[in-house]
């Protein structure tokens, strides 16, 4: 009798992964990677007012996209300042992880979501430029709360992947400057380098995924010198990788959502442990059956479930 695998990919994603695995032997193309993230259904429908704005940053203009439910609220709304992923070098306001996440959370929670087009790292842009943009955007929201219809005491900061990293680092910095956000929402974040060793459970899950689909230390090693402008990781500020901060007390209540089949899961899990040890309220969940970046797949039920949980956080008093 064959024992079923303990870890099982989502039923709609498993065929895509198997097709990818089959093509490994004949050579993979960019289209094969893109096929993994094809929509599984149409975008959700929400009645929102969406407008793009440019705000002044410390040394640049920062583009934002503001999502507000239509109609006048009976009271100021909660707000999420949201950061997309993209390994610090890619991503934009139109990718599903930015646009569909912002729409979905705003609609579900009757909340304002401000999506930030922070600067991407390049040969001329390095840390702390992206984080400076995030902090400036958060402060702009607080300063313009009345115009936005936002409760200034209920402004959360969140992001996914590299955006989760930036959200965690900016939250730590704002804590140190006496302006900690209401709460932090961290989706499959990377907050440690090197990535912590996987648990036995995670190691078993990763065996189900083709190696080219897993982030490796070697790949990180190609991006980090660009992000840090050559500064060795061990000399970087804790604001870059807050999992290496010695004191996380005073960090705001935090939601951490990790993907089951994702090497970065060990970083998110470890950070949740560190926050709890520092006395921080943490809600931690595992998005089962999915790989890194599941919010980028339009129509995925696991993504909808994550948006439900994020909205529930904003609906708290």
Protein backbone atom coordinates (compact mmCIF):
# COMPACT_ATOMS: atom_id res chain seq x y z
CA UNK A 1 0.00 0.00 0.00
CA UNK A 2 1.40 3.40 -1.00
CA UNK A 3 1.40 6.12 1.65
CA UNK A 4 0.07 9.43 0.27
CA UNK A 5 2.47 12.36 0.44
CA UNK A 6 2.22 14.43 3.59
CA UNK A 7 2.48 17.64 1.56
CA UNK A 8 0.14 18.16 -1.34
CA UNK A 9 0.19 20.98 -3.84
CA UNK A 10 -3.03 22.86 -4.49
CA UNK A 11 -5.22 20.89 -6.90
CA UNK A 12 -5.23 23.69 -9.50
CA UNK A 13 -1.50 24.35 -9.24
CA UNK A 14 -0.24 20.77 -9.16
CA UNK A 15 -0.80 20.15 -12.92
CA UNK A 16 1.15 23.31 -13.72
CA UNK A 17 4.04 22.21 -11.55
CA UNK A 18 4.05 18.75 -13.12
CA UNK A 19 4.10 20.26 -16.62
CA UNK A 20 7.00 22.45 -15.53
CA UNK A 21 8.80 19.40 -14.15
CA UNK A 22 8.25 17.53 -17.42
CA UNK A 23 9.78 20.37 -19.42
CA UNK A 24 12.87 20.52 -17.19
CA UNK A 25 14.39 17.68 -19.21
CA UNK A 26 13.93 19.49 -22.53
CA UNK A 27 14.85 23.00 -21.44
CA UNK A 28 12.77 25.66 -19.78
CA UNK A 29 11.79 29.00 -21.27
CA UNK A 30 10.46 32.20 -19.71
CA UNK A 31 6.97 31.22 -20.86
CA UNK A 32 7.16 28.06 -18.76
CA UNK A 33 7.77 30.13 -15.63
CA UNK A 34 5.03 32.58 -16.58
CA UNK A 35 2.54 29.76 -17.09
CA UNK A 36 2.71 28.93 -13.39
CA UNK A 37 1.11 32.27 -12.52
CA UNK A 38 -1.66 32.37 -15.13
CA UNK A 39 -5.04 33.49 -13.77
CA UNK A 40 -7.38 30.80 -12.55
CA UNK A 41 -10.41 33.04 -12.84
CA UNK A 42 -11.48 36.63 -13.43
CA UNK A 43 -10.53 39.47 -11.11
CA UNK A 44 -12.92 40.17 -8.25
CA UNK A 45 -15.45 42.97 -8.63
CA UNK A 46 -15.47 45.77 -6.05
CA UNK A 47 -17.02 49.23 -6.03
CA UNK A 48 -13.94 51.34 -5.38
CA UNK A 49 -12.57 54.76 -6.18
CA UNK A 50 -8.98 54.34 -7.39
CA UNK A 51 -6.65 57.22 -8.09
CA UNK A 52 -2.93 57.68 -8.62
CA UNK A 53 -1.02 60.35 -6.75
CA UNK A 54 2.53 61.60 -6.55
CA UNK A 55 3.77 62.63 -3.14
CA UNK A 56 7.05 64.28 -2.12
CA UNK A 57 9.66 61.93 -0.72
CA UNK A 58 12.94 62.73 1.02
CA UNK A 59 14.80 62.98 -2.29
CA UNK A 60 12.32 61.92 -4.97
CA UNK A 61 8.65 61.89 -5.96
CA UNK A 62 6.86 58.73 -4.80
CA UNK A 63 3.94 57.41 -6.87
CA UNK A 64 1.03 55.97 -4.89
CA UNK A 65 -2.25 54.35 -5.83
CA UNK A 66 -5.10 54.98 -3.42
CA UNK A 67 -8.04 52.56 -3.19
CA UNK A 68 -11.18 53.77 -1.38
CA UNK A 69 -14.60 52.14 -1.15
CA UNK A 70 -17.24 54.20 -2.94
CA UNK A 71 -19.55 56.29 -0.82
CA UNK A 72 -19.09 58.20 2.39
CA UNK A 73 -18.24 56.16 5.49
CA UNK A 74 -20.01 56.72 8.79
CA UNK A 75 -16.62 56.95 10.49
CA UNK A 76 -12.98 57.21 9.42
CA UNK A 77 -11.77 53.99 7.83
CA UNK A 78 -8.80 51.82 8.72
CA UNK A 79 -5.93 51.96 6.26
CA UNK A 80 -3.28 49.59 4.94
CA UNK A 81 -0.10 50.98 3.38
CA UNK A 82 0.81 48.13 1.03
CA UNK A 83 4.10 47.07 -0.61
CA UNK A 84 4.38 44.63 -3.51
CA UNK A 85 7.22 42.14 -3.90
CA UNK A 86 9.75 41.59 -6.66
CA UNK A 87 13.11 40.85 -5.00
CA UNK A 88 13.70 44.61 -4.49
CA UNK A 89 14.49 44.95 -8.20
CA UNK A 90 11.12 44.31 -9.88
CA UNK A 91 7.39 44.67 -9.50
CA UNK A 92 4.96 47.55 -9.96
CA UNK A 93 1.53 48.84 -8.97
CA UNK A 94 -0.20 46.84 -11.71
CA UNK A 95 0.97 43.35 -10.74
CA UNK A 96 -1.73 41.24 -9.06
CA UNK A 97 0.18 41.17 -5.77
CA UNK A 98 -0.21 44.95 -5.71
CA UNK A 99 -3.42 45.78 -7.58
CA UNK A 100 -5.64 42.79 -6.85
CA UNK A 101 -4.47 42.59 -3.24
CA UNK A 102 -5.22 46.28 -2.69
CA UNK A 103 -8.64 45.96 -4.34
CA UNK A 104 -9.50 42.81 -2.43
CA UNK A 105 -8.55 44.16 0.97
CA UNK A 106 -10.19 47.55 0.43
CA UNK A 107 -13.43 45.91 -0.69
CA UNK A 108 -13.55 43.28 2.01
CA UNK A 109 -12.65 45.52 4.93
CA UNK A 110 -14.30 48.79 3.81
CA UNK A 111 -10.79 50.15 4.22
CA UNK A 112 -8.47 52.52 2.40
CA UNK A 113 -5.42 50.83 0.87
CA UNK A 114 -2.45 52.88 -0.31
CA UNK A 115 -0.14 50.92 -2.62
CA UNK A 116 3.39 52.34 -2.80
CA UNK A 117 5.54 52.40 -5.93
CA UNK A 118 8.79 52.49 -3.96
CA UNK A 119 12.08 52.81 -5.79
CA UNK A 120 13.55 49.57 -7.09
CA UNK A 121 17.19 48.78 -6.49
CA UNK A 122 19.52 49.15 -9.45
CA UNK A 123 23.07 50.19 -10.24
CA UNK A 124 22.16 53.67 -9.00
CA UNK A 125 19.50 52.95 -6.35
CA UNK A 126 20.35 51.09 -3.16
CA UNK A 127 19.16 50.67 0.41
CA UNK A 128 17.85 52.70 2.22
CA UNK A 129 16.13 54.37 -0.77
CA UNK A 130 13.20 51.89 -1.00
CA UNK A 131 12.67 51.98 2.75
CA UNK A 132 12.86 55.79 2.79
CA UNK A 133 9.99 55.80 0.29
CA UNK A 134 7.96 53.43 2.46
CA UNK A 135 8.46 55.49 5.60
CA UNK A 136 7.61 58.70 3.72
CA UNK A 137 4.42 57.12 2.32
CA UNK A 138 3.34 55.92 5.76
CA UNK A 139 3.89 59.38 7.23
CA UNK A 140 2.06 61.02 4.32
CA UNK A 141 -0.98 58.83 5.00
CA UNK A 142 -0.94 59.75 8.67
CA UNK A 143 -0.56 63.46 7.83
CA UNK A 144 -3.36 63.35 5.22
CA UNK A 145 -5.73 61.12 7.16
CA UNK A 146 -8.64 63.58 7.01
CA UNK A 147 -8.37 63.99 3.23
CA UNK A 148 -8.22 60.21 2.80
CA UNK A 149 -11.05 59.48 5.23
CA UNK A 150 -8.65 57.46 7.36
CA UNK A 151 -8.39 56.98 11.11
CA UNK A 152 -4.77 58.04 11.81
CA UNK A 153 -4.62 55.64 14.75
CA UNK A 154 -5.48 52.67 12.53
CA UNK A 155 -2.86 52.78 9.80
CA UNK A 156 -1.25 49.39 9.20
CA UNK A 157 1.87 48.67 7.19
CA UNK A 158 2.19 45.50 5.14
CA UNK A 159 3.77 43.84 2.17
CA UNK A 160 4.54 40.59 0.40
CA UNK A 161 7.93 38.95 -0.20
CA UNK A 162 10.45 41.80 -0.68
CA UNK A 163 7.56 44.09 0.23
CA UNK A 164 7.15 42.12 3.45
CA UNK A 165 10.83 42.67 4.11
CA UNK A 166 10.45 46.42 3.55
CA UNK A 167 7.32 46.54 5.70
CA UNK A 168 9.06 44.76 8.58
CA UNK A 169 12.17 46.92 8.33
CA UNK A 170 10.21 50.15 8.07
CA UNK A 171 8.05 49.10 11.03
CA UNK A 172 11.18 48.52 13.11
CA UNK A 173 12.54 51.91 12.10
CA UNK A 174 9.24 53.65 12.86
CA UNK A 175 9.14 51.91 16.24
CA UNK A 176 12.57 53.34 17.03
CA UNK A 177 11.38 56.79 15.97
CA UNK A 178 8.26 56.61 18.15
CA UNK A 179 5.79 56.13 15.29
CA UNK A 180 5.10 52.39 15.20
CA UNK A 181 2.22 51.48 12.86
CA UNK A 182 -1.05 50.19 14.25
CA UNK A 183 -0.12 46.69 13.06
CA UNK A 184 2.11 44.92 10.52
CA UNK A 185 0.89 42.46 7.87
CA UNK A 186 3.77 40.36 6.53
CA UNK A 187 3.11 37.99 3.65
CA UNK A 188 5.79 35.36 2.91
CA UNK A 189 8.54 37.79 3.99
CA UNK A 190 12.31 37.43 3.92
CA UNK A 191 13.67 38.98 7.11
CA UNK A 192 16.84 36.91 7.63
CA UNK A 193 19.95 36.41 5.50
CA UNK A 194 21.08 33.74 5.25
CA UNK A 195 17.67 32.09 5.17
CA UNK A 196 17.24 29.99 8.34
CA UNK A 197 17.57 26.24 7.89
CA UNK A 198 14.22 24.63 7.09
CA UNK A 199 12.33 22.59 9.63
CA UNK A 200 11.90 18.89 8.87
CA UNK A 201 8.35 19.65 7.77
CA UNK A 202 9.42 22.39 5.37
CA UNK A 203 12.31 20.31 4.02
CA UNK A 204 9.86 17.53 3.21
CA UNK A 205 7.52 19.97 1.47
CA UNK A 206 10.29 21.43 -0.68
CA UNK A 207 11.08 18.01 -2.14
CA UNK A 208 7.72 18.21 -3.94
CA UNK A 209 8.76 21.29 -5.95
CA UNK A 210 11.19 21.40 -8.91
CA UNK A 211 14.47 23.03 -7.91
CA UNK A 212 14.23 25.91 -10.45
CA UNK A 213 11.11 27.11 -8.64
CA UNK A 214 12.84 27.48 -5.27
CA UNK A 215 14.70 30.59 -4.18
CA UNK A 216 18.30 29.76 -3.31
CA UNK A 217 21.09 31.45 -1.42
CA UNK A 218 22.94 31.72 -4.71
CA UNK A 219 20.10 33.73 -6.24
CA UNK A 220 19.97 35.99 -3.20
CA UNK A 221 23.69 36.46 -3.55
CA UNK A 222 23.12 38.02 -6.96
CA UNK A 223 20.61 40.59 -5.69
CA UNK A 224 21.95 41.55 -2.28
CA UNK A 225 25.16 43.26 -3.47
CA UNK A 226 22.98 45.48 -5.67
CA UNK A 227 20.53 46.20 -2.89
CA UNK A 228 23.26 46.92 -0.33
CA UNK A 229 25.67 48.64 -2.73
CA UNK A 230 28.35 46.11 -1.86
CA UNK A 231 27.99 46.32 1.93
CA UNK A 232 28.44 42.83 3.44
CA UNK A 233 25.16 41.44 4.78
CA UNK A 234 26.63 40.95 8.24
CA UNK A 235 27.38 44.69 8.40
CA UNK A 236 23.94 45.78 7.24
CA UNK A 237 21.55 47.63 9.53
CA UNK A 238 18.84 45.56 11.27
CA UNK A 239 16.41 47.73 9.34
CA UNK A 240 17.45 45.76 6.24
CA UNK A 241 16.83 42.32 7.77
CA UNK A 242 14.90 42.88 11.03
CA UNK A 243 15.10 39.20 11.92
CA UNK A 244 18.64 40.01 13.07
CA UNK A 245 17.49 42.75 15.46
CA UNK A 246 18.45 42.03 19.06
CA UNK A 247 15.36 43.68 20.55
CA UNK A 248 11.93 43.36 18.91
CA UNK A 249 9.95 44.56 21.92
CA UNK A 250 7.54 47.32 21.01
CA UNK A 251 6.95 45.92 17.54
CA UNK A 252 3.21 46.28 16.82
CA UNK A 253 0.75 43.38 16.59
CA UNK A 254 1.71 41.35 13.54
CA UNK A 255 0.10 38.99 11.04
CA UNK A 256 2.48 36.56 9.32
CA UNK A 257 1.30 34.44 6.38
CA UNK A 258 3.78 31.90 4.98
CA UNK A 259 3.49 29.71 1.88
CA UNK A 260 3.75 25.97 2.46
CA UNK A 261 6.12 25.20 -0.44
CA UNK A 262 8.47 28.15 -0.03
CA UNK A 263 12.08 28.29 1.25
CA UNK A 264 11.30 31.72 2.74
CA UNK A 265 8.78 30.08 5.03
CA UNK A 266 11.61 29.35 7.49
CA UNK A 267 12.31 33.09 7.77
CA UNK A 268 8.66 33.99 8.37
CA UNK A 269 8.27 31.21 10.92
CA UNK A 270 11.44 32.21 12.73
CA UNK A 271 10.40 35.87 12.82
CA UNK A 272 7.04 34.95 14.33
CA UNK A 273 8.89 33.03 17.06
CA UNK A 274 11.16 35.99 17.72
CA UNK A 275 8.25 38.41 17.95
CA UNK A 276 6.39 36.19 20.39
CA UNK A 277 9.51 35.86 22.52
CA UNK A 278 9.64 39.67 22.62
CA UNK A 279 6.06 39.84 23.89
CA UNK A 280 4.48 40.86 20.57
CA UNK A 281 0.99 39.67 19.65
CA UNK A 282 1.36 37.48 16.55
CA UNK A 283 -1.19 35.80 14.31
CA UNK A 284 0.60 33.23 12.18
CA UNK A 285 -0.89 31.14 9.41
CA UNK A 286 0.30 28.78 6.69
CA UNK A 287 -1.22 29.07 3.22
CA UNK A 288 -1.42 25.39 2.38
CA UNK A 289 -0.72 23.94 -1.04
CA UNK A 290 0.91 27.02 -2.54
CA UNK A 291 4.38 28.19 -3.47
CA UNK A 292 5.98 31.59 -2.95
CA UNK A 293 3.93 34.52 -4.23
CA UNK A 294 0.43 33.05 -4.25
CA UNK A 295 -1.17 36.52 -4.17
CA UNK A 296 -0.01 36.95 -7.76
CA UNK A 297 -2.37 34.26 -9.07
CA UNK A 298 -5.70 35.87 -9.91
CA UNK A 299 -8.68 33.68 -9.06
CA UNK A 300 -6.79 31.37 -6.68
CA UNK A 301 -8.99 30.44 -3.73
CA UNK A 302 -5.97 30.37 -1.41
CA UNK A 303 -5.29 34.00 -2.34
CA UNK A 304 -8.91 34.90 -1.59
CA UNK A 305 -8.59 33.22 1.80
CA UNK A 306 -5.48 35.26 2.54
CA UNK A 307 -7.31 38.47 1.58
CA UNK A 308 -10.13 37.45 3.93
CA UNK A 309 -7.66 37.13 6.81
CA UNK A 310 -5.94 40.41 5.99
CA UNK A 311 -9.29 42.19 5.90
CA UNK A 312 -10.24 40.64 9.24
CA UNK A 313 -7.12 42.19 10.73
CA UNK A 314 -8.17 45.65 9.54
CA UNK A 315 -11.69 45.15 10.82
CA UNK A 316 -10.42 44.74 14.36
CA UNK A 317 -11.12 47.72 16.59
